[in-house]
Every structure is written in C-alpha cells, then in structure tokens.
N, C-alpha and C. Protein backbone atom coordinates (compact mmCIF):
# COMPACT_ATOMS: atom_id res chain seq x y z
N MET A 1 33.44 62.19 24.98
CA MET A 1 32.36 61.34 24.52
C MET A 1 31.18 62.23 24.14
N LYS A 2 30.59 61.92 23.01
CA LYS A 2 29.43 62.68 22.55
C LYS A 2 28.18 61.83 22.68
N SER A 3 27.07 62.51 22.75
CA SER A 3 25.78 61.83 22.82
C SER A 3 25.51 61.10 21.51
N VAL A 4 24.89 59.94 21.63
CA VAL A 4 24.54 59.16 20.44
C VAL A 4 23.34 59.77 19.73
N THR A 5 22.41 60.30 20.49
CA THR A 5 21.23 60.95 19.91
C THR A 5 21.03 62.30 20.57
N ASN A 6 20.07 63.04 20.05
CA ASN A 6 19.71 64.32 20.66
C ASN A 6 18.66 64.14 21.74
N ASP A 7 18.24 62.94 21.99
CA ASP A 7 17.23 62.63 23.00
C ASP A 7 17.91 62.46 24.36
N PRO A 8 17.62 63.33 25.33
CA PRO A 8 18.28 63.23 26.63
C PRO A 8 17.88 61.98 27.42
N ASN A 9 16.81 61.30 27.00
CA ASN A 9 16.36 60.09 27.69
C ASN A 9 17.13 58.84 27.25
N ILE A 10 17.91 58.97 26.18
CA ILE A 10 18.69 57.84 25.67
C ILE A 10 20.15 58.08 25.99
N THR A 11 20.75 57.14 26.71
CA THR A 11 22.17 57.27 27.05
C THR A 11 22.91 56.04 26.56
N GLY A 12 24.19 56.16 26.41
CA GLY A 12 24.99 55.02 26.00
C GLY A 12 26.10 55.45 25.08
N PHE A 13 26.79 54.46 24.55
CA PHE A 13 27.88 54.73 23.64
C PHE A 13 28.04 53.57 22.68
N VAL A 14 28.79 53.81 21.62
CA VAL A 14 29.02 52.80 20.59
C VAL A 14 30.45 52.30 20.75
N MET A 15 30.60 50.99 20.88
CA MET A 15 31.92 50.38 21.02
C MET A 15 32.33 49.83 19.66
N VAL A 16 32.77 50.72 18.78
CA VAL A 16 33.07 50.35 17.40
C VAL A 16 34.21 49.34 17.32
N GLU A 17 35.21 49.49 18.18
CA GLU A 17 36.38 48.62 18.11
C GLU A 17 36.06 47.19 18.52
N GLN A 18 34.89 46.95 19.10
CA GLN A 18 34.52 45.61 19.55
C GLN A 18 33.30 45.11 18.78
N MET A 19 33.42 45.17 17.45
CA MET A 19 32.31 44.75 16.60
C MET A 19 32.08 43.24 16.70
N LYS A 20 30.85 42.85 16.58
CA LYS A 20 30.50 41.45 16.46
C LYS A 20 29.07 41.39 15.94
N SER A 21 28.69 40.26 15.45
CA SER A 21 27.32 40.15 14.99
C SER A 21 26.41 39.95 16.19
N ILE A 22 25.20 40.43 16.05
CA ILE A 22 24.24 40.36 17.15
C ILE A 22 22.97 39.66 16.67
N ASP A 23 22.48 38.74 17.45
CA ASP A 23 21.21 38.09 17.16
C ASP A 23 20.12 38.95 17.79
N TYR A 24 19.49 39.78 16.96
CA TYR A 24 18.50 40.73 17.46
C TYR A 24 17.31 40.05 18.13
N GLN A 25 16.90 38.91 17.61
CA GLN A 25 15.75 38.21 18.20
C GLN A 25 16.11 37.61 19.54
N ALA A 26 17.27 36.99 19.65
CA ALA A 26 17.69 36.35 20.90
C ALA A 26 17.87 37.39 22.01
N ARG A 27 18.35 38.57 21.65
CA ARG A 27 18.57 39.62 22.65
C ARG A 27 17.35 40.52 22.85
N LYS A 28 16.31 40.27 22.07
CA LYS A 28 15.06 41.04 22.15
C LYS A 28 15.32 42.54 22.06
N ILE A 29 16.09 42.90 21.05
CA ILE A 29 16.45 44.29 20.83
C ILE A 29 15.25 45.04 20.26
N LYS A 30 15.06 46.27 20.73
CA LYS A 30 13.98 47.09 20.19
C LYS A 30 14.54 48.43 19.74
N PHE A 31 13.93 49.00 18.74
CA PHE A 31 14.32 50.29 18.20
C PHE A 31 13.90 51.38 19.17
N ILE A 32 14.84 52.25 19.54
CA ILE A 32 14.50 53.33 20.47
C ILE A 32 14.80 54.70 19.91
N GLY A 33 15.54 54.78 18.81
CA GLY A 33 15.84 56.07 18.22
C GLY A 33 16.96 55.96 17.20
N LYS A 34 17.21 57.07 16.52
CA LYS A 34 18.25 57.11 15.50
C LYS A 34 19.45 57.87 16.02
N ALA A 35 20.63 57.44 15.62
CA ALA A 35 21.85 58.16 15.94
C ALA A 35 21.91 59.43 15.10
N SER A 36 22.54 60.44 15.65
CA SER A 36 22.71 61.68 14.89
C SER A 36 23.64 61.43 13.71
N ASP A 37 23.56 62.28 12.69
CA ASP A 37 24.45 62.15 11.53
C ASP A 37 25.90 62.27 11.96
N GLU A 38 26.18 63.16 12.89
CA GLU A 38 27.55 63.35 13.38
C GLU A 38 28.07 62.09 14.07
N ALA A 39 27.23 61.49 14.90
CA ALA A 39 27.64 60.26 15.59
C ALA A 39 27.87 59.13 14.59
N LEU A 40 26.99 59.00 13.62
CA LEU A 40 27.14 57.96 12.61
C LEU A 40 28.41 58.16 11.79
N ASP A 41 28.70 59.39 11.41
CA ASP A 41 29.94 59.68 10.66
C ASP A 41 31.17 59.30 11.47
N THR A 42 31.16 59.59 12.76
CA THR A 42 32.28 59.25 13.63
C THR A 42 32.46 57.75 13.73
N VAL A 43 31.37 57.03 13.93
CA VAL A 43 31.40 55.58 14.04
C VAL A 43 31.93 54.95 12.76
N LEU A 44 31.42 55.40 11.62
CA LEU A 44 31.85 54.83 10.35
C LEU A 44 33.32 55.13 10.07
N SER A 45 33.79 56.29 10.49
CA SER A 45 35.20 56.64 10.32
C SER A 45 36.10 55.71 11.13
N ILE A 46 35.73 55.45 12.37
CA ILE A 46 36.50 54.55 13.23
C ILE A 46 36.44 53.13 12.68
N LEU A 47 35.25 52.71 12.26
CA LEU A 47 35.09 51.35 11.70
C LEU A 47 35.96 51.17 10.46
N ASP A 48 36.00 52.19 9.61
CA ASP A 48 36.83 52.13 8.40
C ASP A 48 38.30 51.94 8.78
N ALA A 49 38.76 52.65 9.80
CA ALA A 49 40.15 52.52 10.25
C ALA A 49 40.42 51.13 10.82
N CYS A 50 39.45 50.55 11.48
CA CYS A 50 39.62 49.20 12.07
C CYS A 50 39.69 48.12 10.99
N ILE A 51 38.90 48.28 9.95
CA ILE A 51 38.83 47.25 8.91
C ILE A 51 40.00 47.36 7.94
N TYR A 52 40.39 48.56 7.60
CA TYR A 52 41.44 48.75 6.60
C TYR A 52 42.67 49.25 7.29
C-alpha cells in the first residue's frame, strides 16, 4: 500500500473496486489535500480495469 499524499498527517486509502456516488453535502466532506500523481495514475488504472 502506498501513501495517498506526501503529507504524513493524512492517512487512508482509496477503495477503487467499491465505487459509488457520494453526497458530499450530506457527509460534510471537506478538502484536505491532493493525491499524488502516482496515486491518481494507479487509481485510474484500476478503475479502467473495473469498468472495461
């Protein structure tokens, strides 16, 4: 597992295989940082395999 960001204060992971829509307002989601380019490329690659 790789870090989602380069910020050591942010932890977590992306569950690409369990996609669903999210109501950002209902869940009171807030922006905390950007994913690294490497993490985003990995996520999009897995998502592409799941969809096609």
